[in-house]
Amino acid sequence: MPELPERPQWETIPSSTPASVCRGENCGAPIYWIERKSRDKKTPTRTVRVPVDTDVPGGSDPDSMTDGRGVAHYQTCLDANQF
């Protein structure tokens, strides 16, 4: 299990969001792609796609009835330098 960042920025994963797999050479973690508003102060109205990792302490997978939560996979990916 990847280590949780010191100050995790939690992301909400809408219920029934399909899982995907990280393409990192050594990673292969299950991830969920979500869309949310940018947190960049220069482009706050822009919509961005973010891969979210739920395999962290406090994370949860979404199901058909409840939302899940996780952190941006960029923070936990073993192969983040490839992207």
PDB file of N, CA and C in Angstrom:
ATOM      1  N   MET A   1       0.852  -1.181   0.000  1.00  0.00           N
ATOM      2  CA  MET A   1       0.000   0.000   0.000  1.00  0.00           C
ATOM      3  C   MET A   1       0.894   1.240   0.000  1.00  0.00           C
ATOM      4  N   PRO A   2       0.604   2.211  -0.884  1.00  0.00           N
ATOM      5  CA  PRO A   2       1.414   3.431  -0.917  1.00  0.00           C
ATOM      6  C   PRO A   2       1.266   4.235   0.365  1.00  0.00           C
ATOM      7  N   GLU A   3       2.290   5.008   0.638  1.00  0.00           N
ATOM      8  CA  GLU A   3       2.255   5.863   1.824  1.00  0.00           C
ATOM      9  C   GLU A   3       1.384   7.088   1.548  1.00  0.00           C
ATOM     10  N   LEU A   4       0.581   7.455   2.522  1.00  0.00           N
ATOM     11  CA  LEU A   4      -0.294   8.612   2.396  1.00  0.00           C
ATOM     12  C   LEU A   4       0.530   9.893   2.521  1.00  0.00           C
ATOM     13  N   PRO A   5       0.294  10.874   1.645  1.00  0.00           N
ATOM     14  CA  PRO A   5       1.020  12.144   1.780  1.00  0.00           C
ATOM     15  C   PRO A   5       0.781  12.762   3.156  1.00  0.00           C
ATOM     16  N   GLU A   6       1.719  13.594   3.604  1.00  0.00           N
ATOM     17  CA  GLU A   6       1.613  14.193   4.929  1.00  0.00           C
ATOM     18  C   GLU A   6       0.314  14.972   5.113  1.00  0.00           C
ATOM     19  N   ARG A   7      -0.060  15.747   4.126  1.00  0.00           N
ATOM     20  CA  ARG A   7      -1.319  16.503   4.153  1.00  0.00           C
ATOM     21  C   ARG A   7      -2.125  16.121   2.929  1.00  0.00           C
ATOM     22  N   PRO A   8      -2.844  15.018   3.006  1.00  0.00           N
ATOM     23  CA  PRO A   8      -3.565  14.561   1.806  1.00  0.00           C
ATOM     24  C   PRO A   8      -4.669  15.525   1.392  1.00  0.00           C
ATOM     25  N   GLN A   9      -4.797  15.705   0.093  1.00  0.00           N
ATOM     26  CA  GLN A   9      -5.891  16.477  -0.478  1.00  0.00           C
ATOM     27  C   GLN A   9      -6.912  15.446  -0.948  1.00  0.00           C
ATOM     28  N   TRP A  10      -7.954  15.230  -0.166  1.00  0.00           N
ATOM     29  CA  TRP A  10      -8.929  14.195  -0.477  1.00  0.00           C
ATOM     30  C   TRP A  10      -9.778  14.584  -1.670  1.00  0.00           C
ATOM     31  N   GLU A  11     -10.040  13.611  -2.518  1.00  0.00           N
ATOM     32  CA  GLU A  11     -10.896  13.783  -3.680  1.00  0.00           C
ATOM     33  C   GLU A  11     -12.115  12.894  -3.495  1.00  0.00           C
ATOM     34  N   THR A  12     -13.279  13.372  -3.904  1.00  0.00           N
ATOM     35  CA  THR A  12     -14.504  12.581  -3.866  1.00  0.00           C
ATOM     36  C   THR A  12     -14.672  11.872  -5.198  1.00  0.00           C
ATOM     37  N   ILE A  13     -14.979  10.584  -5.139  1.00  0.00           N
ATOM     38  CA  ILE A  13     -15.200   9.783  -6.334  1.00  0.00           C
ATOM     39  C   ILE A  13     -16.688   9.478  -6.405  1.00  0.00           C
ATOM     40  N   PRO A  14     -17.384  10.001  -7.409  1.00  0.00           N
ATOM     41  CA  PRO A  14     -18.825   9.755  -7.501  1.00  0.00           C
ATOM     42  C   PRO A  14     -19.148   8.254  -7.547  1.00  0.00           C
ATOM     43  N   SER A  15     -20.278   7.896  -6.975  1.00  0.00           N
ATOM     44  CA  SER A  15     -20.684   6.495  -6.954  1.00  0.00           C
ATOM     45  C   SER A  15     -20.739   5.939  -8.377  1.00  0.00           C
ATOM     46  N   SER A  16     -20.421   4.684  -8.493  1.00  0.00           N
ATOM     47  CA  SER A  16     -20.435   3.938  -9.761  1.00  0.00           C
ATOM     48  C   SER A  16     -19.390   4.397 -10.779  1.00  0.00           C
ATOM     49  N   THR A  17     -18.375   5.169 -10.355  1.00  0.00           N
ATOM     50  CA  THR A  17     -17.290   5.536 -11.266  1.00  0.00           C
ATOM     51  C   THR A  17     -16.494   4.267 -11.563  1.00  0.00           C
ATOM     52  N   PRO A  18     -16.286   3.934 -12.842  1.00  0.00           N
ATOM     53  CA  PRO A  18     -15.556   2.698 -13.152  1.00  0.00           C
ATOM     54  C   PRO A  18     -14.075   2.810 -12.800  1.00  0.00           C
ATOM     55  N   ALA A  19     -13.498   1.696 -12.403  1.00  0.00           N
ATOM     56  CA  ALA A  19     -12.070   1.637 -12.074  1.00  0.00           C
ATOM     57  C   ALA A  19     -11.254   1.492 -13.349  1.00  0.00           C
ATOM     58  N   SER A  20     -10.012   1.928 -13.269  1.00  0.00           N
ATOM     59  CA  SER A  20      -9.047   1.800 -14.347  1.00  0.00           C
ATOM     60  C   SER A  20      -7.761   1.271 -13.721  1.00  0.00           C
ATOM     61  N   VAL A  21      -6.708   1.164 -14.497  1.00  0.00           N
ATOM     62  CA  VAL A  21      -5.427   0.687 -13.980  1.00  0.00           C
ATOM     63  C   VAL A  21      -4.331   1.655 -14.410  1.00  0.00           C
ATOM     64  N   CYS A  22      -3.445   1.996 -13.490  1.00  0.00           N
ATOM     65  CA  CYS A  22      -2.318   2.877 -13.802  1.00  0.00           C
ATOM     66  C   CYS A  22      -1.415   2.205 -14.837  1.00  0.00           C
ATOM     67  N   ARG A  23      -0.968   2.983 -15.814  1.00  0.00           N
ATOM     68  CA  ARG A  23      -0.112   2.443 -16.872  1.00  0.00           C
ATOM     69  C   ARG A  23       1.365   2.484 -16.504  1.00  0.00           C
ATOM     70  N   GLY A  24       1.699   2.913 -15.300  1.00  0.00           N
ATOM     71  CA  GLY A  24       3.100   2.963 -14.884  1.00  0.00           C
ATOM     72  C   GLY A  24       3.744   1.595 -14.985  1.00  0.00           C
ATOM     73  N   GLU A  25       4.990   1.571 -15.420  1.00  0.00           N
ATOM     74  CA  GLU A  25       5.703   0.317 -15.657  1.00  0.00           C
ATOM     75  C   GLU A  25       5.724  -0.605 -14.443  1.00  0.00           C
ATOM     76  N   ASN A  26       5.878  -0.038 -13.245  1.00  0.00           N
ATOM     77  CA  ASN A  26       5.961  -0.850 -12.030  1.00  0.00           C
ATOM     78  C   ASN A  26       4.773  -0.658 -11.097  1.00  0.00           C
ATOM     79  N   CYS A  27       3.765   0.088 -11.530  1.00  0.00           N
ATOM     80  CA  CYS A  27       2.668   0.429 -10.630  1.00  0.00           C
ATOM     81  C   CYS A  27       1.464  -0.498 -10.810  1.00  0.00           C
ATOM     82  N   GLY A  28       0.639  -0.235 -11.810  1.00  0.00           N
ATOM     83  CA  GLY A  28      -0.533  -1.072 -12.056  1.00  0.00           C
ATOM     84  C   GLY A  28      -1.626  -0.948 -11.017  1.00  0.00           C
ATOM     85  N   ALA A  29      -1.612   0.129 -10.225  1.00  0.00           N
ATOM     86  CA  ALA A  29      -2.609   0.317  -9.161  1.00  0.00           C
ATOM     87  C   ALA A  29      -3.991   0.597  -9.751  1.00  0.00           C
ATOM     88  N   PRO A  30      -5.041   0.164  -9.056  1.00  0.00           N
ATOM     89  CA  PRO A  30      -6.384   0.544  -9.496  1.00  0.00           C
ATOM     90  C   PRO A  30      -6.610   2.026  -9.206  1.00  0.00           C
ATOM     91  N   ILE A  31      -7.151   2.745 -10.176  1.00  0.00           N
ATOM     92  CA  ILE A  31      -7.415   4.170 -10.020  1.00  0.00           C
ATOM     93  C   ILE A  31      -8.793   4.496 -10.578  1.00  0.00           C
ATOM     94  N   TYR A  32      -9.301   5.636 -10.188  1.00  0.00           N
ATOM     95  CA  TYR A  32     -10.579   6.140 -10.681  1.00  0.00           C
ATOM     96  C   TYR A  32     -10.323   7.524 -11.266  1.00  0.00           C
ATOM     97  N   TRP A  33     -10.778   7.764 -12.502  1.00  0.00           N
ATOM     98  CA  TRP A  33     -10.637   9.076 -13.128  1.00  0.00           C
ATOM     99  C   TRP A  33     -11.858   9.912 -12.797  1.00  0.00           C
ATOM    100  N   ILE A  34     -11.618  11.086 -12.211  1.00  0.00           N
ATOM    101  CA  ILE A  34     -12.720  12.004 -11.891  1.00  0.00           C
ATOM    102  C   ILE A  34     -12.490  13.329 -12.613  1.00  0.00           C
ATOM    103  N   GLU A  35     -13.534  14.124 -12.708  1.00  0.00           N
ATOM    104  CA  GLU A  35     -13.420  15.478 -13.233  1.00  0.00           C
ATOM    105  C   GLU A  35     -13.789  16.433 -12.112  1.00  0.00           C
ATOM    106  N   ARG A  36     -12.991  17.499 -11.993  1.00  0.00           N
ATOM    107  CA  ARG A  36     -13.254  18.526 -10.977  1.00  0.00           C
ATOM    108  C   ARG A  36     -12.697  19.843 -11.481  1.00  0.00           C
ATOM    109  N   LYS A  37     -13.030  20.911 -10.797  1.00  0.00           N
ATOM    110  CA  LYS A  37     -12.501  22.230 -11.146  1.00  0.00           C
ATOM    111  C   LYS A  37     -11.018  22.289 -10.781  1.00  0.00           C
ATOM    112  N   SER A  38     -10.254  23.002 -11.590  1.00  0.00           N
ATOM    113  CA  SER A  38      -8.829  23.177 -11.355  1.00  0.00           C
ATOM    114  C   SER A  38      -8.601  23.909 -10.030  1.00  0.00           C
ATOM    115  N   ARG A  39      -7.520  23.573  -9.361  1.00  0.00           N
ATOM    116  CA  ARG A  39      -7.149  24.282  -8.132  1.00  0.00           C
ATOM    117  C   ARG A  39      -6.065  25.316  -8.416  1.00  0.00           C
ATOM    118  N   ASP A  40      -5.697  25.450  -9.673  1.00  0.00           N
ATOM    119  CA  ASP A  40      -4.713  26.453 -10.087  1.00  0.00           C
ATOM    120  C   ASP A  40      -5.374  27.824 -10.030  1.00  0.00           C
ATOM    121  N   LYS A  41      -4.765  28.746  -9.313  1.00  0.00           N
ATOM    122  CA  LYS A  41      -5.350  30.085  -9.146  1.00  0.00           C
ATOM    123  C   LYS A  41      -5.482  30.831 -10.478  1.00  0.00           C
ATOM    124  N   LYS A  42      -4.675  30.454 -11.469  1.00  0.00           N
ATOM    125  CA  LYS A  42      -4.735  31.119 -12.764  1.00  0.00           C
ATOM    126  C   LYS A  42      -5.901  30.620 -13.620  1.00  0.00           C
ATOM    127  N   THR A  43      -6.355  29.401 -13.385  1.00  0.00           N
ATOM    128  CA  THR A  43      -7.425  28.819 -14.207  1.00  0.00           C
ATOM    129  C   THR A  43      -8.481  28.133 -13.336  1.00  0.00           C
ATOM    130  N   PRO A  44      -9.084  28.832 -12.387  1.00  0.00           N
ATOM    131  CA  PRO A  44     -10.004  28.189 -11.440  1.00  0.00           C
ATOM    132  C   PRO A  44     -11.303  27.660 -12.050  1.00  0.00           C
ATOM    133  N   THR A  45     -11.658  28.107 -13.248  1.00  0.00           N
ATOM    134  CA  THR A  45     -12.910  27.640 -13.851  1.00  0.00           C
ATOM    135  C   THR A  45     -12.695  26.460 -14.800  1.00  0.00           C
ATOM    136  N   ARG A  46     -11.456  26.119 -15.052  1.00  0.00           N
ATOM    137  CA  ARG A  46     -11.138  25.006 -15.955  1.00  0.00           C
ATOM    138  C   ARG A  46     -11.457  23.665 -15.296  1.00  0.00           C
ATOM    139  N   THR A  47     -12.017  22.741 -16.066  1.00  0.00           N
ATOM    140  CA  THR A  47     -12.273  21.387 -15.583  1.00  0.00           C
ATOM    141  C   THR A  47     -11.072  20.513 -15.924  1.00  0.00           C
ATOM    142  N   VAL A  48     -10.609  19.728 -14.948  1.00  0.00           N
ATOM    143  CA  VAL A  48      -9.460  18.842 -15.153  1.00  0.00           C
ATOM    144  C   VAL A  48      -9.851  17.405 -14.808  1.00  0.00           C
ATOM    145  N   ARG A  49      -9.160  16.460 -15.453  1.00  0.00           N
ATOM    146  CA  ARG A  49      -9.336  15.036 -15.125  1.00  0.00           C
ATOM    147  C   ARG A  49      -8.200  14.621 -14.207  1.00  0.00           C
ATOM    148  N   VAL A  50      -8.535  13.931 -13.124  1.00  0.00           N
ATOM    149  CA  VAL A  50      -7.547  13.565 -12.112  1.00  0.00           C
ATOM    150  C   VAL A  50      -7.672  12.072 -11.797  1.00  0.00           C
ATOM    151  N   PRO A  51      -6.549  11.313 -11.824  1.00  0.00           N
ATOM    152  CA  PRO A  51      -6.604   9.919 -11.396  1.00  0.00           C
ATOM    153  C   PRO A  51      -6.558   9.877  -9.869  1.00  0.00           C
ATOM    154  N   VAL A  52      -7.449   9.097  -9.274  1.00  0.00           N
ATOM    155  CA  VAL A  52      -7.552   9.044  -7.814  1.00  0.00           C
ATOM    156  C   VAL A  52      -7.251   7.628  -7.321  1.00  0.00           C
ATOM    157  N   ASP A  53      -6.410   7.543  -6.308  1.00  0.00           N
ATOM    158  CA  ASP A  53      -5.993   6.287  -5.690  1.00  0.00           C
ATOM    159  C   ASP A  53      -6.766   6.107  -4.386  1.00  0.00           C
ATOM    160  N   THR A  54      -7.464   4.999  -4.243  1.00  0.00           N
ATOM    161  CA  THR A  54      -8.216   4.735  -3.012  1.00  0.00           C
ATOM    162  C   THR A  54      -7.492   3.756  -2.091  1.00  0.00           C
ATOM    163  N   ASP A  55      -6.373   3.207  -2.573  1.00  0.00           N
ATOM    164  CA  ASP A  55      -5.631   2.217  -1.794  1.00  0.00           C
ATOM    165  C   ASP A  55      -4.668   2.905  -0.832  1.00  0.00           C
ATOM    166  N   VAL A  56      -5.246   3.789   0.001  1.00  0.00           N
ATOM    167  CA  VAL A  56      -4.494   4.527   1.017  1.00  0.00           C
ATOM    168  C   VAL A  56      -5.303   4.483   2.314  1.00  0.00           C
ATOM    169  N   PRO A  57      -4.662   4.640   3.473  1.00  0.00           N
ATOM    170  CA  PRO A  57      -5.427   4.665   4.720  1.00  0.00           C
ATOM    171  C   PRO A  57      -6.495   5.765   4.679  1.00  0.00           C
ATOM    172  N   GLY A  58      -7.732   5.399   4.915  1.00  0.00           N
ATOM    173  CA  GLY A  58      -8.836   6.354   4.885  1.00  0.00           C
ATOM    174  C   GLY A  58      -9.519   6.454   3.539  1.00  0.00           C
ATOM    175  N   GLY A  59      -8.973   5.796   2.525  1.00  0.00           N
ATOM    176  CA  GLY A  59      -9.581   5.802   1.201  1.00  0.00           C
ATOM    177  C   GLY A  59     -10.704   4.785   1.121  1.00  0.00           C
ATOM    178  N   SER A  60     -11.614   4.984   0.171  1.00  0.00           N
ATOM    179  CA  SER A  60     -12.702   4.023  -0.016  1.00  0.00           C
ATOM    180  C   SER A  60     -13.141   4.019  -1.468  1.00  0.00           C
ATOM    181  N   ASP A  61     -13.428   2.818  -1.985  1.00  0.00           N
ATOM    182  CA  ASP A  61     -13.907   2.665  -3.349  1.00  0.00           C
ATOM    183  C   ASP A  61     -15.371   3.079  -3.433  1.00  0.00           C
ATOM    184  N   PRO A  62     -15.770   3.686  -4.552  1.00  0.00           N
ATOM    185  CA  PRO A  62     -17.185   4.012  -4.717  1.00  0.00           C
ATOM    186  C   PRO A  62     -17.964   2.747  -5.052  1.00  0.00           C
ATOM    187  N   ASP A  63     -19.225   2.730  -4.693  1.00  0.00           N
ATOM    188  CA  ASP A  63     -20.090   1.643  -5.136  1.00  0.00           C
ATOM    189  C   ASP A  63     -21.344   2.265  -5.741  1.00  0.00           C
ATOM    190  N   SER A  64     -22.344   1.471  -6.005  1.00  0.00           N
ATOM    191  CA  SER A  64     -23.525   1.995  -6.686  1.00  0.00           C
ATOM    192  C   SER A  64     -24.351   2.943  -5.823  1.00  0.00           C
ATOM    193  N   MET A  65     -24.142   2.930  -4.512  1.00  0.00           N
ATOM    194  CA  MET A  65     -24.958   3.753  -3.621  1.00  0.00           C
ATOM    195  C   MET A  65     -24.182   4.888  -2.942  1.00  0.00           C
ATOM    196  N   THR A  66     -22.884   4.730  -2.757  1.00  0.00           N
ATOM    197  CA  THR A  66     -22.131   5.740  -2.011  1.00  0.00           C
ATOM    198  C   THR A  66     -20.891   6.195  -2.772  1.00  0.00           C
ATOM    199  N   ASP A  67     -20.509   7.443  -2.559  1.00  0.00           N
ATOM    200  CA  ASP A  67     -19.292   7.982  -3.141  1.00  0.00           C
ATOM    201  C   ASP A  67     -18.084   7.391  -2.417  1.00  0.00           C
ATOM    202  N   GLY A  68     -16.954   7.366  -3.096  1.00  0.00           N
ATOM    203  CA  GLY A  68     -15.707   6.940  -2.482  1.00  0.00           C
ATOM    204  C   GLY A  68     -14.822   8.155  -2.253  1.00  0.00           C
ATOM    205  N   ARG A  69     -13.614   7.888  -1.742  1.00  0.00           N
ATOM    206  CA  ARG A  69     -12.672   8.982  -1.577  1.00  0.00           C
ATOM    207  C   ARG A  69     -11.251   8.447  -1.665  1.00  0.00           C
ATOM    208  N   GLY A  70     -10.359   9.323  -2.079  1.00  0.00           N
ATOM    209  CA  GLY A  70      -8.965   8.948  -2.215  1.00  0.00           C
ATOM    210  C   GLY A  70      -8.126  10.186  -2.456  1.00  0.00           C
ATOM    211  N   VAL A  71      -6.871   9.971  -2.808  1.00  0.00           N
ATOM    212  CA  VAL A  71      -5.954  11.072  -3.087  1.00  0.00           C
ATOM    213  C   VAL A  71      -5.510  10.988  -4.541  1.00  0.00           C
ATOM    214  N   ALA A  72      -5.054  12.118  -5.081  1.00  0.00           N
ATOM    215  CA  ALA A  72      -4.565  12.129  -6.459  1.00  0.00           C
ATOM    216  C   ALA A  72      -3.453  11.089  -6.600  1.00  0.00           C
ATOM    217  N   HIS A  73      -3.582  10.256  -7.602  1.00  0.00           N
ATOM    218  CA  HIS A  73      -2.628   9.166  -7.794  1.00  0.00           C
ATOM    219  C   HIS A  73      -1.219   9.678  -8.091  1.00  0.00           C
ATOM    220  N   TYR A  74      -1.093  10.906  -8.560  1.00  0.00           N
ATOM    221  CA  TYR A  74       0.231  11.483  -8.792  1.00  0.00           C
ATOM    222  C   TYR A  74       1.052  11.503  -7.503  1.00  0.00           C
ATOM    223  N   GLN A  75       0.375  11.560  -6.356  1.00  0.00           N
ATOM    224  CA  GLN A  75       1.068  11.619  -5.064  1.00  0.00           C
ATOM    225  C   GLN A  75       1.506  10.249  -4.571  1.00  0.00           C
ATOM    226  N   THR A  76       0.924   9.175  -5.102  1.00  0.00           N
ATOM    227  CA  THR A  76       1.202   7.844  -4.580  1.00  0.00           C
ATOM    228  C   THR A  76       1.784   6.874  -5.601  1.00  0.00           C
ATOM    229  N   CYS A  77       1.827   7.259  -6.877  1.00  0.00           N
ATOM    230  CA  CYS A  77       2.270   6.356  -7.942  1.00  0.00           C
ATOM    231  C   CYS A  77       3.746   6.027  -7.811  1.00  0.00           C
ATOM    232  N   LEU A  78       4.071   4.751  -7.939  1.00  0.00           N
ATOM    233  CA  LEU A  78       5.466   4.315  -7.900  1.00  0.00           C
ATOM    234  C   LEU A  78       6.234   4.830  -9.110  1.00  0.00           C
ATOM    235  N   ASP A  79       5.526   5.135 -10.183  1.00  0.00           N
ATOM    236  CA  ASP A  79       6.156   5.567 -11.430  1.00  0.00           C
ATOM    237  C   ASP A  79       5.764   6.996 -11.815  1.00  0.00           C
ATOM    238  N   ALA A  80       5.490   7.848 -10.843  1.00  0.00           N
ATOM    239  CA  ALA A  80       5.033   9.205 -11.127  1.00  0.00           C
ATOM    240  C   ALA A  80       5.981   9.960 -12.048  1.00  0.00           C
ATOM    241  N   ASN A  81       7.261   9.662 -11.989  1.00  0.00           N
ATOM    242  CA  ASN A  81       8.244  10.361 -12.821  1.00  0.00           C
ATOM    243  C   ASN A  81       8.073  10.032 -14.312  1.00  0.00           C
ATOM    244  N   GLN A  82       7.335   8.969 -14.647  1.00  0.00           N
ATOM    245  CA  GLN A  82       7.090   8.620 -16.043  1.00  0.00           C
ATOM    246  C   GLN A  82       6.035   9.527 -16.676  1.00  0.00           C
ATOM    247  N   PHE A  83       5.276  10.220 -15.864  1.00  0.00           N
ATOM    248  CA  PHE A  83       4.188  11.036 -16.373  1.00  0.00           C
ATOM    249  C   PHE A  83       4.514  12.476 -16.164  1.00  0.00           C
TER     250      PHE A  83
END
